Amino acid sequence: MALDGEGPCIAEARHTAAGFLTRMRAEHGVAVSQRAVEVTQLVVSELVTNAQKYAVGPVLLDLRIVGALVEVQVWDSDPVLPVARAADAGRVGQHGLEIVMAVCQGFEAVREPVGKRIIARLALTDDPCGVSSWASR
């Protein structure tokens, strides 16, 4: 999905992610928990927000099912790879990348010939043992 990089594109991206997972569940019988839908929307929101904040121009969002994971890819035109900041309890804001990395089963930032691609992989179902993804790292 191509997003114009303007304000409403963040909400549009979240809505698209929820719709994608709902269709995968309804039309293809993919097991998708409600928590997975909500966490995917959070990750999409954070990644698209960062792309909108730091890059000029359009943003591309790609969602796919890869085994038991949903893969969220966000491309933008800025070649600078994101880096999570060191923990700082006094910092207000700018925790988005830390949050994304904490809830994902996999995270990559890859330079492209133009810009970069951020790839986050999230579980489609809740962990049957009740262990969150960050605790198992």
N, C-alpha and C. Protein backbone atom coordinates (compact mmCIF):
# COMPACT_ATOMS: atom_id res chain seq x y z
N MET A 1 0.84 -1.16 0.00
CA MET A 1 0.00 0.00 0.00
C MET A 1 0.89 1.23 0.00
N ALA A 2 0.61 2.15 -0.86
CA ALA A 2 1.35 3.41 -0.92
C ALA A 2 0.60 4.44 -0.08
N LEU A 3 1.33 5.10 0.80
CA LEU A 3 0.78 6.15 1.64
C LEU A 3 1.46 7.46 1.26
N ASP A 4 0.72 8.54 1.32
CA ASP A 4 1.29 9.81 0.87
C ASP A 4 2.23 10.47 1.87
N GLY A 5 2.33 9.93 3.09
CA GLY A 5 3.22 10.51 4.08
C GLY A 5 2.63 11.69 4.82
N GLU A 6 1.35 11.95 4.61
CA GLU A 6 0.67 13.06 5.30
C GLU A 6 -0.01 12.53 6.56
N GLY A 7 -0.49 13.43 7.43
CA GLY A 7 -1.09 13.10 8.72
C GLY A 7 -2.06 11.93 8.74
N PRO A 8 -3.11 11.93 7.90
CA PRO A 8 -4.10 10.85 7.97
C PRO A 8 -3.57 9.47 7.57
N CYS A 9 -2.38 9.41 7.00
CA CYS A 9 -1.88 8.12 6.52
C CYS A 9 -1.60 7.16 7.67
N ILE A 10 -1.34 7.65 8.86
CA ILE A 10 -1.07 6.78 10.00
C ILE A 10 -2.33 6.01 10.38
N ALA A 11 -3.44 6.70 10.49
CA ALA A 11 -4.72 6.04 10.79
C ALA A 11 -5.11 5.09 9.67
N GLU A 12 -4.89 5.49 8.43
CA GLU A 12 -5.18 4.64 7.27
C GLU A 12 -4.35 3.36 7.33
N ALA A 13 -3.09 3.47 7.70
CA ALA A 13 -2.21 2.30 7.80
C ALA A 13 -2.69 1.36 8.90
N ARG A 14 -3.06 1.89 10.06
CA ARG A 14 -3.59 1.05 11.16
C ARG A 14 -4.85 0.32 10.73
N HIS A 15 -5.75 1.03 10.07
CA HIS A 15 -7.01 0.45 9.60
C HIS A 15 -6.73 -0.65 8.57
N THR A 16 -5.78 -0.41 7.68
CA THR A 16 -5.42 -1.40 6.67
C THR A 16 -4.86 -2.66 7.33
N ALA A 17 -4.02 -2.50 8.34
CA ALA A 17 -3.43 -3.66 9.03
C ALA A 17 -4.51 -4.50 9.70
N ALA A 18 -5.44 -3.85 10.39
CA ALA A 18 -6.53 -4.58 11.05
C ALA A 18 -7.40 -5.29 10.02
N GLY A 19 -7.70 -4.61 8.93
CA GLY A 19 -8.51 -5.22 7.86
C GLY A 19 -7.82 -6.41 7.22
N PHE A 20 -6.53 -6.30 7.01
CA PHE A 20 -5.75 -7.40 6.42
C PHE A 20 -5.83 -8.64 7.31
N LEU A 21 -5.57 -8.47 8.60
CA LEU A 21 -5.58 -9.62 9.50
C LEU A 21 -6.99 -10.19 9.67
N THR A 22 -7.99 -9.34 9.68
CA THR A 22 -9.38 -9.81 9.76
C THR A 22 -9.74 -10.63 8.53
N ARG A 23 -9.32 -10.16 7.34
CA ARG A 23 -9.58 -10.93 6.10
C ARG A 23 -8.83 -12.26 6.10
N MET A 24 -7.58 -12.25 6.58
CA MET A 24 -6.82 -13.51 6.61
C MET A 24 -7.52 -14.54 7.50
N ARG A 25 -8.08 -14.07 8.60
CA ARG A 25 -8.80 -14.96 9.52
C ARG A 25 -10.10 -15.44 8.88
N ALA A 26 -10.90 -14.52 8.34
CA ALA A 26 -12.22 -14.85 7.82
C ALA A 26 -12.18 -15.60 6.48
N GLU A 27 -11.33 -15.17 5.58
CA GLU A 27 -11.33 -15.73 4.22
C GLU A 27 -10.37 -16.89 4.02
N HIS A 28 -9.32 -16.95 4.84
CA HIS A 28 -8.29 -17.98 4.63
C HIS A 28 -8.08 -18.89 5.84
N GLY A 29 -8.85 -18.67 6.90
CA GLY A 29 -8.78 -19.52 8.07
C GLY A 29 -7.48 -19.41 8.86
N VAL A 30 -6.76 -18.30 8.69
CA VAL A 30 -5.51 -18.10 9.43
C VAL A 30 -5.86 -17.78 10.89
N ALA A 31 -5.21 -18.45 11.81
CA ALA A 31 -5.44 -18.18 13.23
C ALA A 31 -4.79 -16.84 13.58
N VAL A 32 -5.62 -15.89 13.99
CA VAL A 32 -5.15 -14.55 14.35
C VAL A 32 -5.86 -14.14 15.63
N SER A 33 -5.12 -13.90 16.68
CA SER A 33 -5.74 -13.46 17.94
C SER A 33 -6.06 -11.97 17.88
N GLN A 34 -6.96 -11.55 18.74
CA GLN A 34 -7.29 -10.13 18.83
C GLN A 34 -6.08 -9.34 19.29
N ARG A 35 -5.29 -9.93 20.19
CA ARG A 35 -4.07 -9.27 20.64
C ARG A 35 -3.11 -9.04 19.48
N ALA A 36 -3.00 -10.02 18.58
CA ALA A 36 -2.12 -9.88 17.42
C ALA A 36 -2.57 -8.72 16.53
N VAL A 37 -3.88 -8.58 16.37
CA VAL A 37 -4.41 -7.46 15.57
C VAL A 37 -4.01 -6.13 16.23
N GLU A 38 -4.20 -6.04 17.52
CA GLU A 38 -3.91 -4.79 18.23
C GLU A 38 -2.41 -4.47 18.25
N VAL A 39 -1.59 -5.48 18.48
CA VAL A 39 -0.14 -5.24 18.50
C VAL A 39 0.36 -4.88 17.11
N THR A 40 -0.20 -5.53 16.08
CA THR A 40 0.18 -5.19 14.71
C THR A 40 -0.19 -3.75 14.39
N GLN A 41 -1.36 -3.32 14.82
CA GLN A 41 -1.75 -1.93 14.61
C GLN A 41 -0.78 -0.97 15.32
N LEU A 42 -0.37 -1.32 16.52
CA LEU A 42 0.60 -0.49 17.25
C LEU A 42 1.91 -0.40 16.49
N VAL A 43 2.42 -1.52 16.03
CA VAL A 43 3.70 -1.55 15.31
C VAL A 43 3.58 -0.76 14.01
N VAL A 44 2.51 -0.96 13.27
CA VAL A 44 2.30 -0.21 12.02
C VAL A 44 2.26 1.28 12.32
N SER A 45 1.54 1.65 13.35
CA SER A 45 1.42 3.07 13.72
C SER A 45 2.79 3.67 14.04
N GLU A 46 3.58 2.96 14.84
CA GLU A 46 4.90 3.48 15.21
C GLU A 46 5.83 3.58 14.00
N LEU A 47 5.84 2.56 13.15
CA LEU A 47 6.76 2.56 12.01
C LEU A 47 6.36 3.61 10.97
N VAL A 48 5.07 3.74 10.71
CA VAL A 48 4.61 4.74 9.74
C VAL A 48 4.81 6.15 10.31
N THR A 49 4.59 6.32 11.60
CA THR A 49 4.84 7.62 12.24
C THR A 49 6.31 8.01 12.07
N ASN A 50 7.22 7.08 12.33
CA ASN A 50 8.65 7.37 12.18
C ASN A 50 8.99 7.71 10.73
N ALA A 51 8.43 6.94 9.79
CA ALA A 51 8.69 7.22 8.37
C ALA A 51 8.19 8.62 8.01
N GLN A 52 7.02 8.96 8.49
CA GLN A 52 6.45 10.27 8.19
C GLN A 52 7.28 11.39 8.84
N LYS A 53 7.79 11.12 10.02
CA LYS A 53 8.54 12.14 10.76
C LYS A 53 9.93 12.39 10.17
N TYR A 54 10.60 11.32 9.73
CA TYR A 54 12.00 11.44 9.35
C TYR A 54 12.28 11.41 7.85
N ALA A 55 11.31 11.03 7.04
CA ALA A 55 11.54 10.92 5.60
C ALA A 55 10.63 11.86 4.83
N VAL A 56 11.07 12.22 3.66
CA VAL A 56 10.28 13.07 2.77
C VAL A 56 9.59 12.17 1.75
N GLY A 57 8.32 12.45 1.48
CA GLY A 57 7.64 11.73 0.41
C GLY A 57 6.83 10.55 0.88
N PRO A 58 6.53 9.67 -0.06
CA PRO A 58 5.62 8.57 0.23
C PRO A 58 6.23 7.52 1.16
N VAL A 59 5.35 6.72 1.69
CA VAL A 59 5.70 5.59 2.55
C VAL A 59 5.01 4.37 1.96
N LEU A 60 5.71 3.25 1.90
CA LEU A 60 5.10 2.02 1.42
C LEU A 60 4.92 1.06 2.58
N LEU A 61 3.73 0.48 2.68
CA LEU A 61 3.40 -0.50 3.71
C LEU A 61 3.09 -1.82 3.04
N ASP A 62 3.74 -2.88 3.50
CA ASP A 62 3.50 -4.22 2.97
C ASP A 62 3.24 -5.14 4.14
N LEU A 63 2.15 -5.90 4.06
CA LEU A 63 1.79 -6.85 5.11
C LEU A 63 1.70 -8.23 4.48
N ARG A 64 2.27 -9.23 5.15
CA ARG A 64 2.17 -10.61 4.65
C ARG A 64 2.17 -11.59 5.81
N ILE A 65 1.61 -12.73 5.53
CA ILE A 65 1.63 -13.82 6.49
C ILE A 65 2.81 -14.71 6.12
N VAL A 66 3.66 -14.98 7.09
CA VAL A 66 4.83 -15.83 6.89
C VAL A 66 4.80 -16.87 8.01
N GLY A 67 4.27 -18.04 7.70
CA GLY A 67 4.13 -19.07 8.72
C GLY A 67 3.18 -18.61 9.81
N ALA A 68 3.63 -18.62 11.05
CA ALA A 68 2.81 -18.22 12.20
C ALA A 68 3.01 -16.76 12.56
N LEU A 69 3.56 -15.98 11.62
CA LEU A 69 3.86 -14.56 11.88
C LEU A 69 3.18 -13.67 10.86
N VAL A 70 2.93 -12.44 11.25
CA VAL A 70 2.59 -11.39 10.29
C VAL A 70 3.85 -10.56 10.14
N GLU A 71 4.22 -10.31 8.90
CA GLU A 71 5.40 -9.50 8.61
C GLU A 71 4.93 -8.13 8.15
N VAL A 72 5.41 -7.11 8.84
CA VAL A 72 5.09 -5.72 8.53
C VAL A 72 6.35 -5.10 7.95
N GLN A 73 6.24 -4.59 6.73
CA GLN A 73 7.37 -3.90 6.11
C GLN A 73 6.96 -2.46 5.81
N VAL A 74 7.81 -1.54 6.20
CA VAL A 74 7.57 -0.13 5.92
C VAL A 74 8.82 0.42 5.24
N TRP A 75 8.63 0.97 4.04
CA TRP A 75 9.71 1.59 3.29
C TRP A 75 9.53 3.10 3.32
N ASP A 76 10.65 3.82 3.43
CA ASP A 76 10.62 5.27 3.27
C ASP A 76 11.90 5.71 2.57
N SER A 77 11.97 6.97 2.20
CA SER A 77 13.07 7.48 1.37
C SER A 77 14.34 7.85 2.12
N ASP A 78 14.30 7.86 3.46
CA ASP A 78 15.48 8.24 4.24
C ASP A 78 16.40 7.03 4.41
N PRO A 79 17.67 7.13 3.97
CA PRO A 79 18.56 5.98 4.07
C PRO A 79 19.12 5.73 5.46
N VAL A 80 18.90 6.64 6.40
CA VAL A 80 19.46 6.49 7.75
C VAL A 80 18.67 5.40 8.50
N LEU A 81 19.40 4.38 8.97
CA LEU A 81 18.76 3.29 9.70
C LEU A 81 18.44 3.73 11.12
N PRO A 82 17.28 3.34 11.63
CA PRO A 82 16.92 3.76 12.99
C PRO A 82 17.73 2.98 14.03
N VAL A 83 17.94 3.62 15.16
CA VAL A 83 18.66 2.99 16.28
C VAL A 83 17.85 3.28 17.54
N ALA A 84 17.57 2.24 18.31
CA ALA A 84 16.85 2.44 19.57
C ALA A 84 17.76 3.21 20.52
N ARG A 85 17.20 4.15 21.22
CA ARG A 85 17.96 4.94 22.18
C ARG A 85 18.21 4.16 23.46
N ALA A 86 19.22 4.56 24.17
CA ALA A 86 19.50 3.95 25.47
C ALA A 86 18.34 4.26 26.42
N ALA A 87 18.08 3.35 27.33
CA ALA A 87 17.00 3.54 28.29
C ALA A 87 17.22 4.83 29.09
N ASP A 88 16.16 5.59 29.24
CA ASP A 88 16.21 6.84 29.99
C ASP A 88 14.82 7.10 30.55
N ALA A 89 14.64 6.81 31.82
CA ALA A 89 13.33 6.96 32.46
C ALA A 89 12.82 8.40 32.42
N GLY A 90 13.71 9.35 32.29
CA GLY A 90 13.32 10.75 32.27
C GLY A 90 12.93 11.27 30.89
N ARG A 91 13.21 10.50 29.85
CA ARG A 91 12.90 10.95 28.49
C ARG A 91 11.40 10.86 28.24
N VAL A 92 10.85 11.92 27.71
CA VAL A 92 9.44 11.94 27.34
C VAL A 92 9.35 11.74 25.84
N GLY A 93 8.66 10.69 25.43
CA GLY A 93 8.50 10.41 24.00
C GLY A 93 9.72 9.73 23.42
N GLN A 94 9.64 9.48 22.14
CA GLN A 94 10.70 8.85 21.35
C GLN A 94 11.06 7.46 21.88
N HIS A 95 10.03 6.70 22.27
CA HIS A 95 10.22 5.32 22.71
C HIS A 95 9.64 4.33 21.69
N GLY A 96 9.18 4.83 20.55
CA GLY A 96 8.49 3.99 19.58
C GLY A 96 9.28 2.79 19.11
N LEU A 97 10.53 3.00 18.73
CA LEU A 97 11.35 1.89 18.24
C LEU A 97 11.60 0.87 19.35
N GLU A 98 11.80 1.34 20.56
CA GLU A 98 11.99 0.43 21.70
C GLU A 98 10.74 -0.44 21.89
N ILE A 99 9.57 0.16 21.79
CA ILE A 99 8.31 -0.57 21.93
C ILE A 99 8.19 -1.61 20.82
N VAL A 100 8.43 -1.19 19.59
CA VAL A 100 8.33 -2.11 18.46
C VAL A 100 9.25 -3.30 18.66
N MET A 101 10.48 -3.05 19.03
CA MET A 101 11.44 -4.14 19.20
C MET A 101 11.05 -5.06 20.36
N ALA A 102 10.38 -4.52 21.36
CA ALA A 102 9.98 -5.33 22.52
C ALA A 102 8.84 -6.29 22.20
N VAL A 103 7.96 -5.91 21.30
CA VAL A 103 6.79 -6.76 21.03
C VAL A 103 6.96 -7.67 19.82
N CYS A 104 8.04 -7.53 19.09
CA CYS A 104 8.25 -8.31 17.87
C CYS A 104 9.05 -9.58 18.12
N GLN A 105 8.80 -10.58 17.28
CA GLN A 105 9.61 -11.79 17.28
C GLN A 105 10.85 -11.60 16.40
N GLY A 106 10.81 -10.63 15.51
CA GLY A 106 11.94 -10.33 14.65
C GLY A 106 11.89 -8.90 14.18
N PHE A 107 13.05 -8.28 14.03
CA PHE A 107 13.12 -6.88 13.59
C PHE A 107 14.37 -6.71 12.75
N GLU A 108 14.22 -6.06 11.60
CA GLU A 108 15.35 -5.75 10.72
C GLU A 108 15.19 -4.34 10.18
N ALA A 109 16.30 -3.69 9.96
CA ALA A 109 16.33 -2.41 9.25
C ALA A 109 17.35 -2.58 8.14
N VAL A 110 16.91 -2.41 6.89
CA VAL A 110 17.74 -2.71 5.73
C VAL A 110 17.80 -1.48 4.82
N ARG A 111 19.01 -1.08 4.45
CA ARG A 111 19.16 -0.01 3.46
C ARG A 111 18.77 -0.56 2.10
N GLU A 112 18.07 0.24 1.33
CA GLU A 112 17.66 -0.09 -0.03
C GLU A 112 18.44 0.82 -0.98
N PRO A 113 18.42 0.54 -2.29
CA PRO A 113 19.08 1.45 -3.22
C PRO A 113 18.62 2.90 -3.04
N VAL A 114 17.34 3.05 -2.68
CA VAL A 114 16.80 4.35 -2.30
C VAL A 114 16.09 4.15 -0.98
N GLY A 115 16.51 4.83 0.05
CA GLY A 115 15.83 4.76 1.34
C GLY A 115 16.15 3.52 2.14
N LYS A 116 15.16 3.10 2.94
CA LYS A 116 15.34 1.93 3.80
C LYS A 116 14.02 1.19 3.95
N ARG A 117 14.12 -0.04 4.40
CA ARG A 117 12.96 -0.87 4.68
C ARG A 117 13.10 -1.39 6.11
N ILE A 118 12.05 -1.20 6.88
CA ILE A 118 11.98 -1.72 8.24
C ILE A 118 11.05 -2.93 8.20
N ILE A 119 11.50 -4.03 8.77
CA ILE A 119 10.72 -5.27 8.76
C ILE A 119 10.53 -5.72 10.21
N ALA A 120 9.28 -5.88 10.59
CA ALA A 120 8.94 -6.37 11.92
C ALA A 120 8.07 -7.61 11.77
N ARG A 121 8.38 -8.64 12.54
CA ARG A 121 7.60 -9.88 12.49
C ARG A 121 6.95 -10.10 13.85
N LEU A 122 5.63 -10.36 13.81
CA LEU A 122 4.85 -10.52 15.05
C LEU A 122 4.07 -11.83 15.02
N ALA A 123 3.94 -12.45 16.18
CA ALA A 123 3.17 -13.68 16.30
C ALA A 123 1.70 -13.42 15.99
N LEU A 124 1.08 -14.36 15.29
CA LEU A 124 -0.34 -14.24 14.94
C LEU A 124 -1.26 -14.70 16.06
N THR A 125 -0.73 -15.50 16.96
CA THR A 125 -1.54 -15.99 18.08
C THR A 125 -0.81 -15.71 19.38
N ASP A 126 -1.57 -15.72 20.45
CA ASP A 126 -0.98 -15.50 21.77
C ASP A 126 -0.13 -16.69 22.15
N ASP A 127 0.91 -16.42 22.89
CA ASP A 127 1.79 -17.49 23.36
C ASP A 127 1.02 -18.38 24.33
N PRO A 128 0.91 -19.68 24.02
CA PRO A 128 0.13 -20.57 24.89
C PRO A 128 0.71 -20.68 26.30
N CYS A 129 1.98 -20.37 26.48
CA CYS A 129 2.59 -20.45 27.81
C CYS A 129 2.42 -19.15 28.59
N GLY A 130 1.87 -18.13 27.94
CA GLY A 130 1.67 -16.85 28.60
C GLY A 130 2.94 -16.03 28.75
N VAL A 131 3.99 -16.37 28.00
CA VAL A 131 5.25 -15.64 28.07
C VAL A 131 5.26 -14.63 26.94
N SER A 132 5.48 -13.38 27.26
CA SER A 132 5.53 -12.36 26.22
C SER A 132 6.82 -12.52 25.41
N SER A 133 6.81 -12.00 24.20
CA SER A 133 7.95 -12.17 23.29
C SER A 133 9.23 -11.59 23.85
N TRP A 134 9.17 -10.47 24.55
CA TRP A 134 10.41 -9.86 25.04
C TRP A 134 11.02 -10.68 26.17
N ALA A 135 10.19 -11.41 26.92
CA ALA A 135 10.73 -12.19 28.03
C ALA A 135 11.48 -13.41 27.55
N SER A 136 11.22 -13.83 26.31
CA SER A 136 11.85 -15.05 25.81
C SER A 136 13.13 -14.77 25.03
N ARG A 137 13.57 -13.53 24.99
CA ARG A 137 14.79 -13.19 24.23
C ARG A 137 16.02 -13.54 24.98
